[in-house]
C-alpha atoms as a PDB file:
ATOM      1  CA  MET A   1      17.385  32.960  -3.754  1.00  0.00           C
ATOM      2  CA  ASN A   2      15.099  34.664  -6.293  1.00  0.00           C
ATOM      3  CA  TRP A   3      12.506  31.935  -5.846  1.00  0.00           C
ATOM      4  CA  LEU A   4      11.952  33.195  -2.294  1.00  0.00           C
ATOM      5  CA  LYS A   5      10.835  36.544  -3.715  1.00  0.00           C
ATOM      6  CA  GLN A   6       8.221  34.952  -6.011  1.00  0.00           C
ATOM      7  CA  PRO A   7       4.521  35.243  -5.224  1.00  0.00           C
ATOM      8  CA  LYS A   8       3.183  33.251  -2.319  1.00  0.00           C
ATOM      9  CA  ASP A   9       1.115  30.873  -4.505  1.00  0.00           C
ATOM     10  CA  LYS A  10       4.149  29.622  -6.439  1.00  0.00           C
ATOM     11  CA  LEU A  11       6.004  29.042  -3.193  1.00  0.00           C
ATOM     12  CA  LEU A  12       3.054  27.027  -1.870  1.00  0.00           C
ATOM     13  CA  ALA A  13       3.022  24.902  -5.028  1.00  0.00           C
ATOM     14  CA  VAL A  14       6.739  24.162  -4.674  1.00  0.00           C
ATOM     15  CA  LEU A  15       6.263  23.283  -1.000  1.00  0.00           C
ATOM     16  CA  ALA A  16       3.305  21.017  -1.835  1.00  0.00           C
ATOM     17  CA  VAL A  17       5.326  19.058  -4.377  1.00  0.00           C
ATOM     18  CA  ALA A  18       8.261  18.781  -1.953  1.00  0.00           C
ATOM     19  CA  LEU A  19       5.921  17.607   0.817  1.00  0.00           C
ATOM     20  CA  LEU A  20       4.351  14.929  -1.384  1.00  0.00           C
ATOM     21  CA  LEU A  21       7.762  13.653  -2.456  1.00  0.00           C
ATOM     22  CA  GLY A  22       8.918  13.574   1.159  1.00  0.00           C
ATOM     23  CA  VAL A  23       5.844  11.662   2.324  1.00  0.00           C
ATOM     24  CA  THR A  24       6.232   9.201  -0.547  1.00  0.00           C
ATOM     25  CA  LEU A  25       9.849   8.477   0.331  1.00  0.00           C
ATOM     26  CA  MET A  26       9.278   8.198   4.080  1.00  0.00           C
ATOM     27  CA  MET A  27       6.368   5.765   4.025  1.00  0.00           C
ATOM     28  CA  ALA A  28       7.720   2.251   3.571  1.00  0.00           C
ATOM     29  CA  ASP A  29       6.169   0.180   6.356  1.00  0.00           C
ATOM     30  CA  GLU A  30       3.977  -2.820   5.478  1.00  0.00           C
ATOM     31  CA  ARG A  31       0.738  -2.296   7.369  1.00  0.00           C
ATOM     32  CA  PRO A  32      -2.357  -3.384   5.446  1.00  0.00           C
ATOM     33  CA  GLN A  33      -5.042  -0.769   4.904  1.00  0.00           C
ATOM     34  CA  GLY A  34      -8.728  -1.002   5.748  1.00  0.00           C
ATOM     35  CA  ALA A  35     -11.528  -1.095   3.264  1.00  0.00           C
ATOM     36  CA  GLY A  36     -12.432   2.454   2.215  1.00  0.00           C
ATOM     37  CA  ILE A  37     -13.194   2.853  -1.469  1.00  0.00           C
ATOM     38  CA  TRP A  38     -10.770   0.179  -2.623  1.00  0.00           C
ATOM     39  CA  PRO A  39     -11.119  -1.077  -6.184  1.00  0.00           C
ATOM     40  CA  GLY A  40     -12.007  -4.672  -6.990  1.00  0.00           C
ATOM     41  CA  LYS A  41     -10.159  -7.586  -5.499  1.00  0.00           C
ATOM     42  CA  GLU A  42      -6.990  -8.652  -7.279  1.00  0.00           C
ATOM     43  CA  THR A  43      -4.770 -11.625  -6.575  1.00  0.00           C
ATOM     44  CA  ALA A  44      -1.081 -12.073  -7.095  1.00  0.00           C
ATOM     45  CA  PRO A  45       0.249 -14.512  -9.674  1.00  0.00           C
ATOM     46  CA  ALA A  46       1.011 -18.108  -8.678  1.00  0.00           C
ATOM     47  CA  SER A  47       4.366 -18.586  -7.002  1.00  0.00           C
ATOM     48  CA  SER A  48       6.304 -21.087  -4.959  1.00  0.00           C
ATOM     49  CA  THR A  49       6.868 -18.684  -2.053  1.00  0.00           C
ATOM     50  CA  PRO A  50       4.360 -18.135   0.773  1.00  0.00           C
ATOM     51  CA  ALA A  51       4.133 -14.347   0.309  1.00  0.00           C
ATOM     52  CA  VAL A  52       4.656 -12.674  -3.044  1.00  0.00           C
ATOM     53  CA  ASP A  53       4.782  -8.964  -3.750  1.00  0.00           C
ATOM     54  CA  VAL A  54       3.110  -7.964  -6.985  1.00  0.00           C
ATOM     55  CA  ALA A  55       5.867  -5.374  -7.215  1.00  0.00           C
ATOM     56  CA  LYS A  56       8.084  -8.040  -8.756  1.00  0.00           C
ATOM     57  CA  THR A  57       5.731  -8.437 -11.720  1.00  0.00           C
ATOM     58  CA  GLY A  58       4.945  -5.095 -13.301  1.00  0.00           C
ATOM     59  CA  ARG A  59       4.664  -2.945 -10.189  1.00  0.00           C
ATOM     60  CA  GLY A  60       5.028   0.340 -12.011  1.00  0.00           C
ATOM     61  CA  ALA A  61       2.103  -0.030 -14.388  1.00  0.00           C
ATOM     62  CA  GLU A  62      -0.201  -1.578 -11.800  1.00  0.00           C
ATOM     63  CA  LEU A  63       0.550   1.041  -9.134  1.00  0.00           C
ATOM     64  CA  ALA A  64       0.153   3.884 -11.619  1.00  0.00           C
ATOM     65  CA  SER A  65      -3.214   2.497 -12.704  1.00  0.00           C
ATOM     66  CA  GLN A  66      -4.441   2.141  -9.117  1.00  0.00           C
ATOM     67  CA  GLU A  67      -3.137   5.605  -8.196  1.00  0.00           C
ATOM     68  CA  ARG A  68      -5.097   7.135 -11.093  1.00  0.00           C
ATOM     69  CA  LEU A  69      -8.250   5.209 -10.183  1.00  0.00           C
ATOM     70  CA  LEU A  70      -8.098   6.219  -6.515  1.00  0.00           C
ATOM     71  CA  SER A  71      -7.218   9.827  -7.421  1.00  0.00           C
ATOM     72  CA  ASP A  72     -10.253  10.061  -9.716  1.00  0.00           C
ATOM     73  CA  ARG A  73     -12.597   8.577  -7.110  1.00  0.00           C
ATOM     74  CA  VAL A  74     -11.362  10.879  -4.351  1.00  0.00           C
ATOM     75  CA  SER A  75     -11.456  13.931  -6.633  1.00  0.00           C
ATOM     76  CA  ASN A  76     -15.034  13.137  -7.631  1.00  0.00           C
ATOM     77  CA  ALA A  77     -16.144  12.801  -3.996  1.00  0.00           C
ATOM     78  CA  VAL A  78     -14.242  15.854  -2.711  1.00  0.00           C
ATOM     79  CA  SER A  79     -15.585  18.138  -5.459  1.00  0.00           C
ATOM     80  CA  LYS A  80     -19.108  17.515  -4.125  1.00  0.00           C
ATOM     81  CA  ILE A  81     -18.313  18.909  -0.657  1.00  0.00           C
ATOM     82  CA  GLU A  82     -19.978  22.236   0.099  1.00  0.00           C
ATOM     83  CA  GLY A  83     -17.640  25.147  -0.601  1.00  0.00           C
ATOM     84  CA  VAL A  84     -15.323  23.128  -2.850  1.00  0.00           C
ATOM     85  CA  GLY A  85     -14.968  23.860  -6.549  1.00  0.00           C
ATOM     86  CA  ALA A  86     -12.650  22.199  -9.030  1.00  0.00           C
ATOM     87  CA  THR A  87     -10.221  19.723  -7.505  1.00  0.00           C
ATOM     88  CA  GLU A  88      -7.073  17.871  -8.409  1.00  0.00           C
ATOM     89  CA  VAL A  89      -6.070  14.864  -6.322  1.00  0.00           C
ATOM     90  CA  VAL A  90      -2.850  12.872  -6.398  1.00  0.00           C
ATOM     91  CA  VAL A  91      -2.787   9.570  -4.495  1.00  0.00           C
ATOM     92  CA  SER A  92       0.650   8.043  -4.008  1.00  0.00           C
ATOM     93  CA  LEU A  93       0.872   4.331  -3.164  1.00  0.00           C
ATOM     94  CA  ALA A  94       3.737   2.938  -1.080  1.00  0.00           C
ATOM     95  CA  GLN A  95       3.288  -0.710  -2.019  1.00  0.00           C
ATOM     96  CA  GLY A  96       1.196  -2.992  -4.143  1.00  0.00           C
ATOM     97  CA  THR A  97      -1.055  -5.886  -3.270  1.00  0.00           C
ATOM     98  CA  ARG A  98       0.558  -8.762  -1.413  1.00  0.00           C
ATOM     99  CA  SER A  99      -0.969 -12.197  -1.066  1.00  0.00           C
ATOM    100  CA  GLU A 100      -0.201 -14.698   1.657  1.00  0.00           C
ATOM    101  CA  TYR A 101      -0.652 -18.274   0.526  1.00  0.00           C
ATOM    102  CA  ALA A 102      -1.627 -21.370   2.519  1.00  0.00           C
ATOM    103  CA  THR A 103       1.312 -23.688   3.152  1.00  0.00           C
ATOM    104  CA  ASN A 104       1.847 -27.222   4.396  1.00  0.00           C
ATOM    105  CA  ASN A 105       4.561 -27.110   7.027  1.00  0.00           C
ATOM    106  CA  ASN A 106       6.512 -30.239   7.922  1.00  0.00           C
ATOM    107  CA  ALA A 107       8.979 -30.129  10.784  1.00  0.00           C
ATOM    108  CA  ASN A 108      11.063 -33.154  11.763  1.00  0.00           C
ATOM    109  CA  ASN A 109      13.347 -33.223  14.771  1.00  0.00           C
ATOM    110  CA  LYS A 110      15.655 -36.146  15.475  1.00  0.00           C
ATOM    111  CA  LYS A 111      17.740 -36.505  18.578  1.00  0.00           C
ATOM    112  CA  ILE A 112      20.301 -39.308  18.712  1.00  0.00           C
ATOM    113  CA  GLU A 113      22.119 -40.092  21.918  1.00  0.00           C
ATOM    114  CA  GLU A 114      25.217 -42.293  21.657  1.00  0.00           C
ATOM    115  CA  LYS A 115      27.347 -43.705  24.459  1.00  0.00           C
ATOM    116  CA  ASP A 116      30.919 -44.760  23.900  1.00  0.00           C
ATOM    117  CA  LYS A 117      32.947 -47.467  25.718  1.00  0.00           C
ATOM    118  CA  SER A 118      34.556 -45.026  28.122  1.00  0.00           C
ATOM    119  CA  GLY A 119      31.167 -43.776  29.422  1.00  0.00           C
ATOM    120  CA  GLY A 120      31.009 -40.552  27.428  1.00  0.00           C
ATOM    121  CA  THR A 121      27.778 -39.444  25.789  1.00  0.00           C
ATOM    122  CA  ARG A 122      27.383 -37.746  22.435  1.00  0.00           C
ATOM    123  CA  VAL A 123      24.070 -36.125  21.473  1.00  0.00           C
ATOM    124  CA  THR A 124      23.313 -35.385  17.834  1.00  0.00           C
ATOM    125  CA  SER A 125      20.236 -33.466  16.821  1.00  0.00           C
ATOM    126  CA  ASP A 126      18.898 -33.059  13.318  1.00  0.00           C
ATOM    127  CA  SER A 127      15.961 -30.875  12.394  1.00  0.00           C
ATOM    128  CA  THR A 128      14.368 -30.227   9.032  1.00  0.00           C
ATOM    129  CA  ASP A 129      11.639 -27.783   8.161  1.00  0.00           C
ATOM    130  CA  SER A 130       9.902 -27.780   4.800  1.00  0.00           C
ATOM    131  CA  ARG A 131       7.067 -25.707   3.413  1.00  0.00           C
ATOM    132  CA  THR A 132       5.009 -26.274   0.305  1.00  0.00           C
ATOM    133  CA  VAL A 133       2.327 -23.990  -1.068  1.00  0.00           C
ATOM    134  CA  VAL A 134      -1.180 -25.477  -1.055  1.00  0.00           C
ATOM    135  CA  VAL A 135      -2.680 -25.475  -4.544  1.00  0.00           C
ATOM    136  CA  VAL A 136      -6.091 -26.386  -5.904  1.00  0.00           C
ATOM    137  CA  LYS A 137      -6.756 -27.646  -9.388  1.00  0.00           C
ATOM    138  CA  GLU A 138      -9.390 -25.888 -11.456  1.00  0.00           C
ATOM    139  CA  SER A 139     -11.520 -28.537 -13.114  1.00  0.00           C
ATOM    140  CA  SER A 140     -12.274 -26.567 -16.266  1.00  0.00           C
ATOM    141  CA  ALA A 141      -8.755 -25.445 -17.119  1.00  0.00           C
ATOM    142  CA  ALA A 142      -6.691 -28.183 -15.449  1.00  0.00           C
ATOM    143  CA  LYS A 143      -4.664 -25.358 -14.002  1.00  0.00           C
ATOM    144  CA  GLU A 144      -3.324 -25.173 -10.452  1.00  0.00           C
ATOM    145  CA  GLN A 145      -3.907 -22.061  -8.370  1.00  0.00           C
ATOM    146  CA  PRO A 146      -2.420 -21.339  -4.933  1.00  0.00           C
ATOM    147  CA  VAL A 147      -4.847 -21.013  -2.018  1.00  0.00           C
ATOM    148  CA  VAL A 148      -4.860 -17.394  -0.816  1.00  0.00           C
ATOM    149  CA  VAL A 149      -5.145 -17.103   2.967  1.00  0.00           C
ATOM    150  CA  ARG A 150      -4.954 -13.337   3.209  1.00  0.00           C
ATOM    151  CA  GLU A 151      -4.658 -10.453   0.787  1.00  0.00           C
ATOM    152  CA  MET A 152      -3.096  -7.207   1.914  1.00  0.00           C
ATOM    153  CA  ARG A 153      -4.389  -4.197   0.022  1.00  0.00           C
ATOM    154  CA  TYR A 154      -2.433  -1.291  -1.349  1.00  0.00           C
ATOM    155  CA  GLU A 155      -0.825   0.962   1.212  1.00  0.00           C
ATOM    156  CA  ILE A 156      -1.177   4.693   0.663  1.00  0.00           C
ATOM    157  CA  ALA A 157       1.950   6.794   1.151  1.00  0.00           C
ATOM    158  CA  GLY A 158       0.197  10.148   0.858  1.00  0.00           C
ATOM    159  CA  VAL A 159      -2.576  12.174  -0.746  1.00  0.00           C
ATOM    160  CA  LEU A 160      -2.296  15.686  -2.148  1.00  0.00           C
ATOM    161  CA  VAL A 161      -5.513  17.647  -2.732  1.00  0.00           C
ATOM    162  CA  VAL A 162      -5.531  20.983  -4.552  1.00  0.00           C
ATOM    163  CA  ALA A 163      -9.018  22.471  -4.482  1.00  0.00           C
ATOM    164  CA  GLU A 164     -10.875  25.697  -5.119  1.00  0.00           C
ATOM    165  CA  GLY A 165     -12.299  26.930  -1.842  1.00  0.00           C
ATOM    166  CA  ALA A 166      -9.520  25.390   0.260  1.00  0.00           C
ATOM    167  CA  LYS A 167      -8.395  28.836   1.434  1.00  0.00           C
ATOM    168  CA  ASP A 168     -11.175  28.552   4.019  1.00  0.00           C
ATOM    169  CA  ALA A 169      -9.903  26.555   7.026  1.00  0.00           C
ATOM    170  CA  ALA A 170     -13.269  24.829   7.581  1.00  0.00           C
ATOM    171  CA  VAL A 171     -13.401  23.662   3.959  1.00  0.00           C
ATOM    172  CA  ARG A 172      -9.792  22.450   4.191  1.00  0.00           C
ATOM    173  CA  GLN A 173     -10.650  20.476   7.323  1.00  0.00           C
ATOM    174  CA  ASN A 174     -13.742  18.955   5.671  1.00  0.00           C
ATOM    175  CA  ILE A 175     -11.666  17.905   2.658  1.00  0.00           C
ATOM    176  CA  SER A 176      -9.001  16.340   4.861  1.00  0.00           C
ATOM    177  CA  ARG A 177     -11.579  14.504   6.954  1.00  0.00           C
ATOM    178  CA  ALA A 178     -13.341  13.204   3.829  1.00  0.00           C
ATOM    179  CA  VAL A 179     -10.104  11.890   2.301  1.00  0.00           C
ATOM    180  CA  CYS A 180      -9.115  10.210   5.587  1.00  0.00           C
ATOM    181  CA  THR A 181     -12.506   8.507   5.773  1.00  0.00           C
ATOM    182  CA  LEU A 182     -12.619   7.447   2.116  1.00  0.00           C
ATOM    183  CA  LEU A 183      -9.158   5.903   2.088  1.00  0.00           C
ATOM    184  CA  ASP A 184      -8.969   4.842   5.751  1.00  0.00           C
ATOM    185  CA  ILE A 185      -5.695   6.683   6.337  1.00  0.00           C
ATOM    186  CA  PRO A 186      -4.451   8.972   9.127  1.00  0.00           C
ATOM    187  CA  ALA A 187      -4.625  12.750   8.722  1.00  0.00           C
ATOM    188  CA  HIS A 188      -0.833  13.176   8.538  1.00  0.00           C
ATOM    189  CA  LYS A 189      -0.878  11.451   5.135  1.00  0.00           C
ATOM    190  CA  VAL A 190      -3.221  14.080   3.644  1.00  0.00           C
ATOM    191  CA  SER A 191      -2.173  17.555   2.452  1.00  0.00           C
ATOM    192  CA  VAL A 192      -4.792  20.052   1.259  1.00  0.00           C
ATOM    193  CA  PHE A 193      -3.893  23.254  -0.568  1.00  0.00           C
ATOM    194  CA  PRO A 194      -5.964  25.994  -2.207  1.00  0.00           C
ATOM    195  CA  ARG A 195      -6.115  25.942  -5.979  1.00  0.00           C
ATOM    196  CA  GLU A 196      -4.522  28.863  -7.792  1.00  0.00           C
ATOM    197  CA  GLU A 197      -7.170  31.282  -8.984  1.00  0.00           C
ATOM    198  CA  LYS A 198      -7.026  31.976 -12.712  1.00  0.00           C
ATOM    199  CA  ARG A 199      -6.626  35.630 -13.511  1.00  0.00           C
END
């Protein structure tokens, strides 16, 4: 219980970290994000399934790289807002890029009706459904690539901003609004806290 008696700033830092961890764990839905300041287009590796999550192939390194890139971009933009000094931004991603591939779907339904000698009828139905991924051959490399129908961008779990000047409510609101606009996310995914003043 001694930590409750510590200065207010340390308590706020502990609460900020707990809030970010909570937001990260709670956000697991699969809604694609809009196009804010997203980095360049990336595609998932070739696969035989219609939708493949990049998470299966090196998710940790790729997500960490994208989190750093987005954090740097947001920090750079936020630090230019009037009344804001030095900033630190942490962007936490809930999921990686997912690609949906074009498929050829073949469905066959057979219905066989048989009558026996006593007048009874037996109906047998057989249905098959098969899907194959559509691929195109690159002429230069003689390599096949799947046709991407739709690419779902990274989903952001939460953003933590620690900034000088964020003690002012108007500055805090401007920071939150800027982050929401840049990343195309709702306000409840953004937490803004004042930066600890060096003494």
